[in-house]
PDB file of N, CA and C in Angstrom:
ATOM      1  N   UNK A   1     -36.116  26.187 -28.998  1.00  0.00           N
ATOM      2  CA  UNK A   1     -36.652  26.197 -27.722  1.00  0.00           C
ATOM      3  C   UNK A   1     -35.800  25.127 -26.915  1.00  0.00           C
ATOM      4  N   UNK A   2     -35.502  25.457 -25.737  1.00  0.00           N
ATOM      5  CA  UNK A   2     -34.883  24.498 -24.698  1.00  0.00           C
ATOM      6  C   UNK A   2     -35.841  23.539 -23.990  1.00  0.00           C
ATOM      7  N   UNK A   3     -35.319  22.442 -23.728  1.00  0.00           N
ATOM      8  CA  UNK A   3     -36.155  21.353 -23.000  1.00  0.00           C
ATOM      9  C   UNK A   3     -35.563  21.187 -21.702  1.00  0.00           C
ATOM     10  N   UNK A   4     -36.208  21.085 -20.551  1.00  0.00           N
ATOM     11  CA  UNK A   4     -35.605  20.956 -19.257  1.00  0.00           C
ATOM     12  C   UNK A   4     -36.209  19.532 -18.899  1.00  0.00           C
ATOM     13  N   UNK A   5     -35.349  18.697 -18.451  1.00  0.00           N
ATOM     14  CA  UNK A   5     -35.720  17.258 -18.010  1.00  0.00           C
ATOM     15  C   UNK A   5     -35.471  17.234 -16.530  1.00  0.00           C
ATOM     16  N   UNK A   6     -36.340  16.811 -15.725  1.00  0.00           N
ATOM     17  CA  UNK A   6     -36.227  16.721 -14.297  1.00  0.00           C
ATOM     18  C   UNK A   6     -35.996  15.242 -14.001  1.00  0.00           C
ATOM     19  N   UNK A   7     -34.840  14.952 -13.259  1.00  0.00           N
ATOM     20  CA  UNK A   7     -34.476  13.584 -12.880  1.00  0.00           C
ATOM     21  C   UNK A   7     -34.880  13.380 -11.349  1.00  0.00           C
ATOM     22  N   UNK A   8     -35.645  12.352 -11.199  1.00  0.00           N
ATOM     23  CA  UNK A   8     -36.039  12.023  -9.783  1.00  0.00           C
ATOM     24  C   UNK A   8     -35.322  10.759  -9.182  1.00  0.00           C
ATOM     25  N   UNK A   9     -34.087  10.941  -9.304  1.00  0.00           N
ATOM     26  CA  UNK A   9     -33.310   9.714  -8.825  1.00  0.00           C
ATOM     27  C   UNK A   9     -32.499  10.081  -7.716  1.00  0.00           C
ATOM     28  N   UNK A  10     -33.030  10.637  -6.592  1.00  0.00           N
ATOM     29  CA  UNK A  10     -32.363  11.291  -5.372  1.00  0.00           C
ATOM     30  C   UNK A  10     -31.502  10.086  -4.739  1.00  0.00           C
ATOM     31  N   UNK A  11     -31.981   8.916  -4.582  1.00  0.00           N
ATOM     32  CA  UNK A  11     -31.113   7.876  -4.171  1.00  0.00           C
ATOM     33  C   UNK A  11     -29.849   7.642  -4.911  1.00  0.00           C
ATOM     34  N   UNK A  12     -29.867   7.783  -6.090  1.00  0.00           N
ATOM     35  CA  UNK A  12     -28.606   7.667  -6.981  1.00  0.00           C
ATOM     36  C   UNK A  12     -27.738   8.820  -6.714  1.00  0.00           C
ATOM     37  N   UNK A  13     -28.306   9.940  -6.672  1.00  0.00           N
ATOM     38  CA  UNK A  13     -27.498  11.154  -6.510  1.00  0.00           C
ATOM     39  C   UNK A  13     -26.896  11.143  -5.173  1.00  0.00           C
ATOM     40  N   UNK A  14     -27.620  10.833  -4.137  1.00  0.00           N
ATOM     41  CA  UNK A  14     -26.977  10.800  -2.792  1.00  0.00           C
ATOM     42  C   UNK A  14     -25.950   9.782  -2.603  1.00  0.00           C
ATOM     43  N   UNK A  15     -26.071   8.626  -3.296  1.00  0.00           N
ATOM     44  CA  UNK A  15     -25.108   7.616  -3.322  1.00  0.00           C
ATOM     45  C   UNK A  15     -23.904   7.961  -3.991  1.00  0.00           C
ATOM     46  N   UNK A  16     -24.085   8.675  -5.123  1.00  0.00           N
ATOM     47  CA  UNK A  16     -22.859   9.130  -5.855  1.00  0.00           C
ATOM     48  C   UNK A  16     -22.221  10.347  -5.154  1.00  0.00           C
ATOM     49  N   UNK A  17     -22.991  11.224  -4.513  1.00  0.00           N
ATOM     50  CA  UNK A  17     -22.369  12.331  -3.783  1.00  0.00           C
ATOM     51  C   UNK A  17     -21.490  11.750  -2.620  1.00  0.00           C
ATOM     52  N   UNK A  18     -22.095  10.778  -1.988  1.00  0.00           N
ATOM     53  CA  UNK A  18     -21.180  10.191  -0.859  1.00  0.00           C
ATOM     54  C   UNK A  18     -19.911   9.413  -1.428  1.00  0.00           C
ATOM     55  N   UNK A  19     -19.982   8.796  -2.378  1.00  0.00           N
ATOM     56  CA  UNK A  19     -18.666   8.034  -3.081  1.00  0.00           C
ATOM     57  C   UNK A  19     -17.772   9.262  -3.389  1.00  0.00           C
ATOM     58  N   UNK A  20     -18.163  10.390  -4.167  1.00  0.00           N
ATOM     59  CA  UNK A  20     -17.476  11.576  -4.426  1.00  0.00           C
ATOM     60  C   UNK A  20     -16.811  12.130  -3.149  1.00  0.00           C
ATOM     61  N   UNK A  21     -17.494  12.381  -2.268  1.00  0.00           N
ATOM     62  CA  UNK A  21     -17.005  12.963  -0.849  1.00  0.00           C
ATOM     63  C   UNK A  21     -15.987  11.979  -0.219  1.00  0.00           C
ATOM     64  N   UNK A  22     -16.111  10.808  -0.337  1.00  0.00           N
ATOM     65  CA  UNK A  22     -15.174   9.855   0.264  1.00  0.00           C
ATOM     66  C   UNK A  22     -13.875   9.896  -0.616  1.00  0.00           C
ATOM     67  N   UNK A  23     -13.931   9.953  -1.790  1.00  0.00           N
ATOM     68  CA  UNK A  23     -12.730   9.965  -2.710  1.00  0.00           C
ATOM     69  C   UNK A  23     -12.035  11.370  -2.372  1.00  0.00           C
ATOM     70  N   UNK A  24     -12.761  12.414  -2.304  1.00  0.00           N
ATOM     71  CA  UNK A  24     -12.106  13.814  -2.065  1.00  0.00           C
ATOM     72  C   UNK A  24     -11.332  13.589  -0.623  1.00  0.00           C
ATOM     73  N   UNK A  25     -12.101  13.062   0.318  1.00  0.00           N
ATOM     74  CA  UNK A  25     -11.478  12.977   1.586  1.00  0.00           C
ATOM     75  C   UNK A  25     -10.127  12.185   1.506  1.00  0.00           C
ATOM     76  N   UNK A  26      -9.927  11.114   0.666  1.00  0.00           N
ATOM     77  CA  UNK A  26      -8.768  10.304   0.571  1.00  0.00           C
ATOM     78  C   UNK A  26      -7.703  11.184  -0.028  1.00  0.00           C
ATOM     79  N   UNK A  27      -8.053  12.128  -0.747  1.00  0.00           N
ATOM     80  CA  UNK A  27      -6.956  12.865  -1.603  1.00  0.00           C
ATOM     81  C   UNK A  27      -6.196  13.750  -0.640  1.00  0.00           C
ATOM     82  N   UNK A  28      -6.778  14.039   0.573  1.00  0.00           N
ATOM     83  CA  UNK A  28      -6.220  14.873   1.585  1.00  0.00           C
ATOM     84  C   UNK A  28      -5.474  13.992   2.601  1.00  0.00           C
ATOM     85  N   UNK A  29      -5.332  12.794   2.410  1.00  0.00           N
ATOM     86  CA  UNK A  29      -4.524  11.888   3.426  1.00  0.00           C
ATOM     87  C   UNK A  29      -3.317  11.268   2.764  1.00  0.00           C
ATOM     88  N   UNK A  30      -2.435  11.205   3.616  1.00  0.00           N
ATOM     89  CA  UNK A  30      -1.198  10.456   3.054  1.00  0.00           C
ATOM     90  C   UNK A  30      -0.493   9.584   4.341  1.00  0.00           C
ATOM     91  N   UNK A  31       0.343   8.619   3.849  1.00  0.00           N
ATOM     92  CA  UNK A  31       1.095   7.804   4.817  1.00  0.00           C
ATOM     93  C   UNK A  31       2.504   8.528   5.008  1.00  0.00           C
ATOM     94  N   UNK A  32       2.880   8.901   6.274  1.00  0.00           N
ATOM     95  CA  UNK A  32       4.055   9.494   6.462  1.00  0.00           C
ATOM     96  C   UNK A  32       4.785   8.525   7.487  1.00  0.00           C
ATOM     97  N   UNK A  33       6.093   8.071   6.914  1.00  0.00           N
ATOM     98  CA  UNK A  33       6.932   7.374   7.734  1.00  0.00           C
ATOM     99  C   UNK A  33       8.136   8.178   8.091  1.00  0.00           C
ATOM    100  N   UNK A  34       8.690   7.955   9.453  1.00  0.00           N
ATOM    101  CA  UNK A  34       9.926   8.614   9.842  1.00  0.00           C
ATOM    102  C   UNK A  34      11.194   7.733   9.925  1.00  0.00           C
ATOM    103  N   UNK A  35      12.123   8.265   9.200  1.00  0.00           N
ATOM    104  CA  UNK A  35      13.385   7.469   9.257  1.00  0.00           C
ATOM    105  C   UNK A  35      14.417   8.047  10.375  1.00  0.00           C
ATOM    106  N   UNK A  36      14.347   7.464  11.482  1.00  0.00           N
ATOM    107  CA  UNK A  36      14.967   8.004  12.752  1.00  0.00           C
ATOM    108  C   UNK A  36      16.322   7.268  13.129  1.00  0.00           C
ATOM    109  N   UNK A  37      16.769   6.362  12.184  1.00  0.00           N
ATOM    110  CA  UNK A  37      17.899   5.742  12.198  1.00  0.00           C
ATOM    111  C   UNK A  37      18.839   5.800  11.031  1.00  0.00           C
ATOM    112  N   UNK A  38      19.973   5.224  11.097  1.00  0.00           N
ATOM    113  CA  UNK A  38      20.992   5.542   9.870  1.00  0.00           C
ATOM    114  C   UNK A  38      20.496   4.772   8.672  1.00  0.00           C
ATOM    115  N   UNK A  39      19.574   3.823   8.665  1.00  0.00           N
ATOM    116  CA  UNK A  39      19.227   3.037   7.435  1.00  0.00           C
ATOM    117  C   UNK A  39      17.633   2.929   7.614  1.00  0.00           C
ATOM    118  N   UNK A  40      16.977   2.933   6.364  1.00  0.00           N
ATOM    119  CA  UNK A  40      15.415   2.893   6.385  1.00  0.00           C
ATOM    120  C   UNK A  40      15.287   2.120   4.804  1.00  0.00           C
ATOM    121  N   UNK A  41      14.426   1.209   4.856  1.00  0.00           N
ATOM    122  CA  UNK A  41      13.976   0.757   3.438  1.00  0.00           C
ATOM    123  C   UNK A  41      12.599   1.329   3.223  1.00  0.00           C
ATOM    124  N   UNK A  42      12.613   2.022   2.276  1.00  0.00           N
ATOM    125  CA  UNK A  42      11.199   2.836   1.830  1.00  0.00           C
ATOM    126  C   UNK A  42      10.086   1.658   1.320  1.00  0.00           C
ATOM    127  N   UNK A  43       8.888   1.770   1.864  1.00  0.00           N
ATOM    128  CA  UNK A  43       7.913   0.819   1.648  1.00  0.00           C
ATOM    129  C   UNK A  43       6.955   1.496   0.506  1.00  0.00           C
ATOM    130  N   UNK A  44       6.441   0.526  -0.331  1.00  0.00           N
ATOM    131  CA  UNK A  44       5.543   0.880  -1.458  1.00  0.00           C
ATOM    132  C   UNK A  44       4.363   1.720  -0.964  1.00  0.00           C
ATOM    133  N   UNK A  45       4.096   1.582   0.333  1.00  0.00           N
ATOM    134  CA  UNK A  45       2.957   2.320   0.949  1.00  0.00           C
ATOM    135  C   UNK A  45       3.295   3.768   1.433  1.00  0.00           C
ATOM    136  N   UNK A  46       4.544   4.077   1.457  1.00  0.00           N
ATOM    137  CA  UNK A  46       5.088   5.388   2.058  1.00  0.00           C
ATOM    138  C   UNK A  46       4.807   6.479   1.035  1.00  0.00           C
ATOM    139  N   UNK A  47       4.132   7.521   1.491  1.00  0.00           N
ATOM    140  CA  UNK A  47       3.864   8.647   0.537  1.00  0.00           C
ATOM    141  C   UNK A  47       4.831   9.653   0.882  1.00  0.00           C
ATOM    142  N   UNK A  48       5.371   9.950   2.166  1.00  0.00           N
ATOM    143  CA  UNK A  48       6.274  10.779   2.539  1.00  0.00           C
ATOM    144  C   UNK A  48       7.245  10.025   3.635  1.00  0.00           C
ATOM    145  N   UNK A  49       8.677  10.195   3.275  1.00  0.00           N
ATOM    146  CA  UNK A  49       9.502   9.619   4.261  1.00  0.00           C
ATOM    147  C   UNK A  49      10.131  10.879   4.802  1.00  0.00           C
ATOM    148  N   UNK A  50       9.882  11.170   6.171  1.00  0.00           N
ATOM    149  CA  UNK A  50      10.633  12.312   6.915  1.00  0.00           C
ATOM    150  C   UNK A  50      11.825  11.802   7.586  1.00  0.00           C
ATOM    151  N   UNK A  51      12.935  12.301   7.133  1.00  0.00           N
ATOM    152  CA  UNK A  51      14.269  11.818   7.712  1.00  0.00           C
ATOM    153  C   UNK A  51      14.546  12.656   8.794  1.00  0.00           C
ATOM    154  N   UNK A  52      14.589  12.388  10.116  1.00  0.00           N
ATOM    155  CA  UNK A  52      14.915  13.077  11.146  1.00  0.00           C
ATOM    156  C   UNK A  52      16.352  12.716  11.704  1.00  0.00           C
ATOM    157  N   UNK A  53      16.839  11.663  11.350  1.00  0.00           N
ATOM    158  CA  UNK A  53      18.207  11.227  11.731  1.00  0.00           C
ATOM    159  C   UNK A  53      19.318  12.101  11.535  1.00  0.00           C
ATOM    160  N   UNK A  54      19.158  13.089  10.402  1.00  0.00           N
ATOM    161  CA  UNK A  54      20.238  13.909  10.002  1.00  0.00           C
ATOM    162  C   UNK A  54      20.741  14.710  11.072  1.00  0.00           C
ATOM    163  N   UNK A  55      20.067  14.945  12.211  1.00  0.00           N
ATOM    164  CA  UNK A  55      20.616  15.773  13.414  1.00  0.00           C
ATOM    165  C   UNK A  55      21.591  14.878  14.002  1.00  0.00           C
ATOM    166  N   UNK A  56      21.807  13.499  13.760  1.00  0.00           N
ATOM    167  CA  UNK A  56      22.726  12.742  14.481  1.00  0.00           C
ATOM    168  C   UNK A  56      23.883  12.110  13.444  1.00  0.00           C
ATOM    169  N   UNK A  57      23.476  11.840  12.223  1.00  0.00           N
ATOM    170  CA  UNK A  57      24.410  11.270  11.421  1.00  0.00           C
ATOM    171  C   UNK A  57      23.926  11.150   9.886  1.00  0.00           C
ATOM    172  N   UNK A  58      24.648  10.640   9.026  1.00  0.00           N
ATOM    173  CA  UNK A  58      24.349  10.331   7.669  1.00  0.00           C
ATOM    174  C   UNK A  58      23.136   9.349   7.712  1.00  0.00           C
ATOM    175  N   UNK A  59      22.410   9.344   6.587  1.00  0.00           N
ATOM    176  CA  UNK A  59      21.245   8.431   6.420  1.00  0.00           C
ATOM    177  C   UNK A  59      21.387   7.618   5.065  1.00  0.00           C
ATOM    178  N   UNK A  60      21.044   6.359   5.049  1.00  0.00           N
ATOM    179  CA  UNK A  60      20.905   5.586   3.793  1.00  0.00           C
ATOM    180  C   UNK A  60      19.644   5.091   3.608  1.00  0.00           C
ATOM    181  N   UNK A  61      18.942   5.367   2.753  1.00  0.00           N
ATOM    182  CA  UNK A  61      17.589   4.897   2.294  1.00  0.00           C
ATOM    183  C   UNK A  61      17.588   3.860   1.232  1.00  0.00           C
ATOM    184  N   UNK A  62      16.937   2.861   1.088  1.00  0.00           N
ATOM    185  CA  UNK A  62      16.883   1.971  -0.042  1.00  0.00           C
ATOM    186  C   UNK A  62      15.425   2.095  -0.564  1.00  0.00           C
ATOM    187  N   UNK A  63      15.320   2.186  -1.822  1.00  0.00           N
ATOM    188  CA  UNK A  63      14.151   2.314  -2.527  1.00  0.00           C
ATOM    189  C   UNK A  63      13.528   0.801  -2.613  1.00  0.00           C
ATOM    190  N   UNK A  64      12.226   0.847  -2.774  1.00  0.00           N
ATOM    191  CA  UNK A  64      11.482  -0.452  -3.093  1.00  0.00           C
ATOM    192  C   UNK A  64      11.766  -0.929  -4.375  1.00  0.00           C
ATOM    193  N   UNK A  65      11.776  -2.203  -4.777  1.00  0.00           N
ATOM    194  CA  UNK A  65      12.045  -2.823  -6.115  1.00  0.00           C
ATOM    195  C   UNK A  65      10.853  -2.455  -6.867  1.00  0.00           C
ATOM    196  N   UNK A  66      11.012  -1.850  -8.044  1.00  0.00           N
ATOM    197  CA  UNK A  66       9.885  -1.457  -8.965  1.00  0.00           C
ATOM    198  C   UNK A  66       8.936  -2.714  -9.323  1.00  0.00           C
ATOM    199  N   UNK A  67       9.731  -3.865  -9.548  1.00  0.00           N
ATOM    200  CA  UNK A  67       9.034  -5.129  -9.829  1.00  0.00           C
ATOM    201  C   UNK A  67       8.023  -5.531  -8.941  1.00  0.00           C
ATOM    202  N   UNK A  68       8.135  -5.130  -7.687  1.00  0.00           N
ATOM    203  CA  UNK A  68       7.033  -5.671  -6.603  1.00  0.00           C
ATOM    204  C   UNK A  68       6.233  -4.434  -6.270  1.00  0.00           C
ATOM    205  N   UNK A  69       6.807  -3.240  -6.254  1.00  0.00           N
ATOM    206  CA  UNK A  69       6.147  -1.954  -5.790  1.00  0.00           C
ATOM    207  C   UNK A  69       5.116  -1.415  -6.922  1.00  0.00           C
ATOM    208  N   UNK A  70       5.248  -1.691  -8.158  1.00  0.00           N
ATOM    209  CA  UNK A  70       4.631  -0.975  -9.299  1.00  0.00           C
ATOM    210  C   UNK A  70       4.786   0.371  -9.406  1.00  0.00           C
ATOM    211  N   UNK A  71       3.870   1.043 -10.126  1.00  0.00           N
ATOM    212  CA  UNK A  71       4.129   2.404 -10.205  1.00  0.00           C
ATOM    213  C   UNK A  71       3.615   3.345  -8.951  1.00  0.00           C
ATOM    214  N   UNK A  72       4.588   3.883  -8.318  1.00  0.00           N
ATOM    215  CA  UNK A  72       4.362   4.749  -7.164  1.00  0.00           C
ATOM    216  C   UNK A  72       5.128   5.936  -7.287  1.00  0.00           C
ATOM    217  N   UNK A  73       4.699   6.832  -6.281  1.00  0.00           N
ATOM    218  CA  UNK A  73       5.402   8.145  -6.205  1.00  0.00           C
ATOM    219  C   UNK A  73       5.344   8.504  -4.753  1.00  0.00           C
ATOM    220  N   UNK A  74       6.499   9.243  -4.198  1.00  0.00           N
ATOM    221  CA  UNK A  74       6.717   9.459  -2.872  1.00  0.00           C
ATOM    222  C   UNK A  74       7.731  10.585  -2.649  1.00  0.00           C
ATOM    223  N   UNK A  75       7.827  11.122  -1.493  1.00  0.00           N
ATOM    224  CA  UNK A  75       8.615  12.229  -1.173  1.00  0.00           C
ATOM    225  C   UNK A  75       9.621  11.887  -0.017  1.00  0.00           C
ATOM    226  N   UNK A  76      10.969  12.196  -0.200  1.00  0.00           N
ATOM    227  CA  UNK A  76      11.768  11.954   0.944  1.00  0.00           C
ATOM    228  C   UNK A  76      12.186  13.581   1.255  1.00  0.00           C
ATOM    229  N   UNK A  77      12.031  13.828   2.630  1.00  0.00           N
ATOM    230  CA  UNK A  77      12.220  15.105   3.092  1.00  0.00           C
ATOM    231  C   UNK A  77      13.295  15.162   4.358  1.00  0.00           C
ATOM    232  N   UNK A  78      14.221  15.942   4.248  1.00  0.00           N
ATOM    233  CA  UNK A  78      15.133  16.149   5.310  1.00  0.00           C
ATOM    234  C   UNK A  78      14.510  16.985   6.420  1.00  0.00           C
ATOM    235  N   UNK A  79      13.782  16.086   7.422  1.00  0.00           N
ATOM    236  CA  UNK A  79      13.093  16.958   8.412  1.00  0.00           C
ATOM    237  C   UNK A  79      14.017  17.286   9.727  1.00  0.00           C
ATOM    238  N   UNK A  80      15.215  16.591   9.648  1.00  0.00           N
ATOM    239  CA  UNK A  80      16.329  16.909  10.626  1.00  0.00           C
ATOM    240  C   UNK A  80      17.072  18.279  10.353  1.00  0.00           C
ATOM    241  N   UNK A  81      16.842  18.705   9.109  1.00  0.00           N
ATOM    242  CA  UNK A  81      17.420  20.084   8.656  1.00  0.00           C
ATOM    243  C   UNK A  81      18.984  20.052   8.772  1.00  0.00           C
ATOM    244  N   UNK A  82      19.643  18.923   8.383  1.00  0.00           N
ATOM    245  CA  UNK A  82      20.975  18.828   8.636  1.00  0.00           C
ATOM    246  C   UNK A  82      21.750  17.997   7.485  1.00  0.00           C
ATOM    247  N   UNK A  83      20.871  18.050   6.484  1.00  0.00           N
ATOM    248  CA  UNK A  83      21.552  17.054   5.364  1.00  0.00           C
ATOM    249  C   UNK A  83      22.818  17.701   4.689  1.00  0.00           C
ATOM    250  N   UNK A  84      23.091  18.900   4.719  1.00  0.00           N
ATOM    251  CA  UNK A  84      24.409  19.568   4.284  1.00  0.00           C
ATOM    252  C   UNK A  84      25.502  18.956   5.181  1.00  0.00           C
ATOM    253  N   UNK A  85      25.301  18.554   6.355  1.00  0.00           N
ATOM    254  CA  UNK A  85      26.468  17.963   7.002  1.00  0.00           C
ATOM    255  C   UNK A  85      26.332  16.578   6.926  1.00  0.00           C
ATOM    256  N   UNK A  86      25.103  15.878   7.145  1.00  0.00           N
ATOM    257  CA  UNK A  86      24.991  14.419   7.191  1.00  0.00           C
ATOM    258  C   UNK A  86      23.935  14.190   5.962  1.00  0.00           C
ATOM    259  N   UNK A  87      24.527  13.811   4.784  1.00  0.00           N
ATOM    260  CA  UNK A  87      23.792  13.734   3.697  1.00  0.00           C
ATOM    261  C   UNK A  87      22.768  12.582   3.696  1.00  0.00           C
ATOM    262  N   UNK A  88      21.736  12.426   2.919  1.00  0.00           N
ATOM    263  CA  UNK A  88      20.760  11.363   2.866  1.00  0.00           C
ATOM    264  C   UNK A  88      20.972  10.752   1.356  1.00  0.00           C
ATOM    265  N   UNK A  89      21.372   9.474   1.464  1.00  0.00           N
ATOM    266  CA  UNK A  89      21.689   8.803   0.277  1.00  0.00           C
ATOM    267  C   UNK A  89      20.569   7.776  -0.010  1.00  0.00           C
ATOM    268  N   UNK A  90      19.914   7.884  -1.255  1.00  0.00           N
ATOM    269  CA  UNK A  90      18.771   7.081  -1.660  1.00  0.00           C
ATOM    270  C   UNK A  90      19.224   5.922  -2.581  1.00  0.00           C
ATOM    271  N   UNK A  91      19.411   4.721  -2.254  1.00  0.00           N
ATOM    272  CA  UNK A  91      19.956   3.679  -3.107  1.00  0.00           C
ATOM    273  C   UNK A  91      18.870   2.827  -3.800  1.00  0.00           C
ATOM    274  N   UNK A  92      19.305   2.462  -5.128  1.00  0.00           N
ATOM    275  CA  UNK A  92      18.259   1.660  -5.702  1.00  0.00           C
ATOM    276  C   UNK A  92      18.177   0.260  -5.033  1.00  0.00           C
ATOM    277  N   UNK A  93      17.263  -0.549  -5.491  1.00  0.00           N
ATOM    278  CA  UNK A  93      17.079  -1.896  -5.265  1.00  0.00           C
ATOM    279  C   UNK A  93      17.338  -2.689  -6.333  1.00  0.00           C
ATOM    280  N   UNK A  94      18.060  -3.760  -6.155  1.00  0.00           N
ATOM    281  CA  UNK A  94      18.418  -4.615  -7.505  1.00  0.00           C
ATOM    282  C   UNK A  94      19.100  -3.778  -8.373  1.00  0.00           C
ATOM    283  N   UNK A  95      18.631  -4.115  -9.668  1.00  0.00           N
ATOM    284  CA  UNK A  95      19.189  -3.409 -10.894  1.00  0.00           C
ATOM    285  C   UNK A  95      18.433  -2.282 -11.462  1.00  0.00           C
ATOM    286  N   UNK A  96      17.392  -1.772 -10.543  1.00  0.00           N
ATOM    287  CA  UNK A  96      16.642  -0.461 -10.932  1.00  0.00           C
ATOM    288  C   UNK A  96      17.728   0.687 -10.907  1.00  0.00           C
ATOM    289  N   UNK A  97      17.212   1.666 -11.697  1.00  0.00           N
ATOM    290  CA  UNK A  97      18.165   2.975 -11.857  1.00  0.00           C
ATOM    291  C   UNK A  97      17.448   3.921 -11.079  1.00  0.00           C
ATOM    292  N   UNK A  98      18.282   5.001 -10.816  1.00  0.00           N
ATOM    293  CA  UNK A  98      17.789   6.177 -10.292  1.00  0.00           C
ATOM    294  C   UNK A  98      18.313   7.397 -11.095  1.00  0.00           C
ATOM    295  N   UNK A  99      17.540   8.014 -12.026  1.00  0.00           N
ATOM    296  CA  UNK A  99      17.898   9.105 -12.873  1.00  0.00           C
ATOM    297  C   UNK A  99      19.176   8.522 -13.853  1.00  0.00           C
ATOM    298  N   UNK A 100      19.133   7.262 -14.118  1.00  0.00           N
ATOM    299  CA  UNK A 100      20.190   6.720 -14.898  1.00  0.00           C
ATOM    300  C   UNK A 100      21.399   6.244 -14.152  1.00  0.00           C
ATOM    301  N   UNK A 101      21.442   6.358 -12.782  1.00  0.00           N
ATOM    302  CA  UNK A 101      22.467   5.935 -11.938  1.00  0.00           C
ATOM    303  C   UNK A 101      22.139   4.914 -10.808  1.00  0.00           C
ATOM    304  N   UNK A 102      22.802   4.849  -9.907  1.00  0.00           N
ATOM    305  CA  UNK A 102      22.543   3.868  -8.804  1.00  0.00           C
ATOM    306  C   UNK A 102      21.744   4.572  -7.603  1.00  0.00           C
ATOM    307  N   UNK A 103      21.938   5.805  -7.463  1.00  0.00           N
ATOM    308  CA  UNK A 103      21.407   6.503  -6.159  1.00  0.00           C
ATOM    309  C   UNK A 103      21.040   7.881  -6.435  1.00  0.00           C
ATOM    310  N   UNK A 104      20.521   8.685  -5.443  1.00  0.00           N
ATOM    311  CA  UNK A 104      20.285   9.937  -5.316  1.00  0.00           C
ATOM    312  C   UNK A 104      20.710  10.453  -3.968  1.00  0.00           C
ATOM    313  N   UNK A 105      21.000  11.841  -3.934  1.00  0.00           N
ATOM    314  CA  UNK A 105      21.525  12.256  -2.685  1.00  0.00           C
ATOM    315  C   UNK A 105      20.946  13.594  -2.323  1.00  0.00           C
ATOM    316  N   UNK A 106      20.434  13.746  -1.065  1.00  0.00           N
ATOM    317  CA  UNK A 106      19.868  15.007  -0.630  1.00  0.00           C
ATOM    318  C   UNK A 106      21.007  15.658   0.335  1.00  0.00           C
ATOM    319  N   UNK A 107      21.598  16.743  -0.033  1.00  0.00           N
ATOM    320  CA  UNK A 107      22.721  17.345   0.587  1.00  0.00           C
ATOM    321  C   UNK A 107      22.409  18.771   0.984  1.00  0.00           C
ATOM    322  N   UNK A 108      21.178  19.168   0.927  1.00  0.00           N
ATOM    323  CA  UNK A 108      20.912  20.476   1.345  1.00  0.00           C
ATOM    324  C   UNK A 108      19.941  20.424   2.502  1.00  0.00           C
ATOM    325  N   UNK A 109      20.175  21.323   3.567  1.00  0.00           N
ATOM    326  CA  UNK A 109      19.527  21.364   4.820  1.00  0.00           C
ATOM    327  C   UNK A 109      18.058  21.533   4.498  1.00  0.00           C
ATOM    328  N   UNK A 110      17.141  20.678   5.088  1.00  0.00           N
ATOM    329  CA  UNK A 110      15.708  20.718   4.673  1.00  0.00           C
ATOM    330  C   UNK A 110      15.347  20.478   3.315  1.00  0.00           C
ATOM    331  N   UNK A 111      16.334  19.893   2.433  1.00  0.00           N
ATOM    332  CA  UNK A 111      16.010  19.497   1.094  1.00  0.00           C
ATOM    333  C   UNK A 111      14.990  18.375   1.017  1.00  0.00           C
ATOM    334  N   UNK A 112      14.488  18.220  -0.164  1.00  0.00           N
ATOM    335  CA  UNK A 112      13.530  17.149  -0.485  1.00  0.00           C
ATOM    336  C   UNK A 112      13.644  16.649  -1.923  1.00  0.00           C
ATOM    337  N   UNK A 113      13.296  15.380  -2.120  1.00  0.00           N
ATOM    338  CA  UNK A 113      13.217  14.930  -3.546  1.00  0.00           C
ATOM    339  C   UNK A 113      12.006  14.096  -3.725  1.00  0.00           C
ATOM    340  N   UNK A 114      11.316  14.241  -4.795  1.00  0.00           N
ATOM    341  CA  UNK A 114      10.072  13.301  -5.158  1.00  0.00           C
ATOM    342  C   UNK A 114      10.597  12.282  -6.056  1.00  0.00           C
ATOM    343  N   UNK A 115      10.178  11.187  -5.804  1.00  0.00           N
ATOM    344  CA  UNK A 115      10.576  10.016  -6.657  1.00  0.00           C
ATOM    345  C   UNK A 115       9.281   9.371  -7.279  1.00  0.00           C
ATOM    346  N   UNK A 116       9.574   9.040  -8.502  1.00  0.00           N
ATOM    347  CA  UNK A 116       8.374   8.375  -9.253  1.00  0.00           C
ATOM    348  C   UNK A 116       9.001   7.413 -10.223  1.00  0.00           C
ATOM    349  N   UNK A 117       8.265   6.299 -10.723  1.00  0.00           N
ATOM    350  CA  UNK A 117       8.982   5.352 -11.430  1.00  0.00           C
ATOM    351  C   UNK A 117       8.140   5.049 -12.805  1.00  0.00           C
ATOM    352  N   UNK A 118       8.837   4.372 -13.762  1.00  0.00           N
ATOM    353  CA  UNK A 118       8.135   4.020 -15.055  1.00  0.00           C
ATOM    354  C   UNK A 118       7.446   2.705 -14.919  1.00  0.00           C
ATOM    355  N   UNK A 119       7.334   1.993 -13.722  1.00  0.00           N
ATOM    356  CA  UNK A 119       6.657   0.850 -13.589  1.00  0.00           C
ATOM    357  C   UNK A 119       7.518  -0.428 -14.021  1.00  0.00           C
ATOM    358  N   UNK A 120       8.652  -0.142 -14.537  1.00  0.00           N
ATOM    359  CA  UNK A 120       9.460  -1.218 -15.075  1.00  0.00           C
ATOM    360  C   UNK A 120      10.765  -1.365 -14.238  1.00  0.00           C
ATOM    361  N   UNK A 121      11.613  -0.433 -14.442  1.00  0.00           N
ATOM    362  CA  UNK A 121      12.834  -0.539 -13.825  1.00  0.00           C
ATOM    363  C   UNK A 121      13.691   0.767 -13.529  1.00  0.00           C
ATOM    364  N   UNK A 122      13.040   1.786 -13.838  1.00  0.00           N
ATOM    365  CA  UNK A 122      13.608   3.347 -13.620  1.00  0.00           C
ATOM    366  C   UNK A 122      12.883   4.191 -12.742  1.00  0.00           C
ATOM    367  N   UNK A 123      13.648   4.839 -11.722  1.00  0.00           N
ATOM    368  CA  UNK A 123      13.234   5.829 -10.931  1.00  0.00           C
ATOM    369  C   UNK A 123      13.618   7.138 -11.355  1.00  0.00           C
ATOM    370  N   UNK A 124      12.747   8.187 -11.314  1.00  0.00           N
ATOM    371  CA  UNK A 124      13.129   9.443 -11.528  1.00  0.00           C
ATOM    372  C   UNK A 124      12.919  10.503 -10.352  1.00  0.00           C
ATOM    373  N   UNK A 125      13.667  11.496 -10.293  1.00  0.00           N
ATOM    374  CA  UNK A 125      13.401  12.361  -9.191  1.00  0.00           C
ATOM    375  C   UNK A 125      13.299  13.810  -9.856  1.00  0.00           C
ATOM    376  N   UNK A 126      12.558  14.690  -9.008  1.00  0.00           N
ATOM    377  CA  UNK A 126      12.502  16.254  -9.188  1.00  0.00           C
ATOM    378  C   UNK A 126      12.396  16.813  -7.824  1.00  0.00           C
TER     379      UNK A 126
END
């Protein structure tokens, strides 16, 4: 035989529901920065870096140092749709690595790369 237990803790349920809704709302938000000049240093708080300068010239971005940024993940996107002509180069900071090297490049119009790190000294892309 099954037993049904009734919980009369509506205050706790309402409080928990409000917390869950707030957390779900935050999942749908992101910080987008625009790189509209030839150089830009990516911030640890950037979720998306939209590069519009490729309509004008090549762009060099610098990654944040992992030692100060901690474990983060973000996207770099060619919003200028001209990276085939004017590449976007993303350089490491200090002695960190990028897929084992010193930089990554977006050379496809409207291309994008997602960056994440190991929390120590290595950036990875996909």
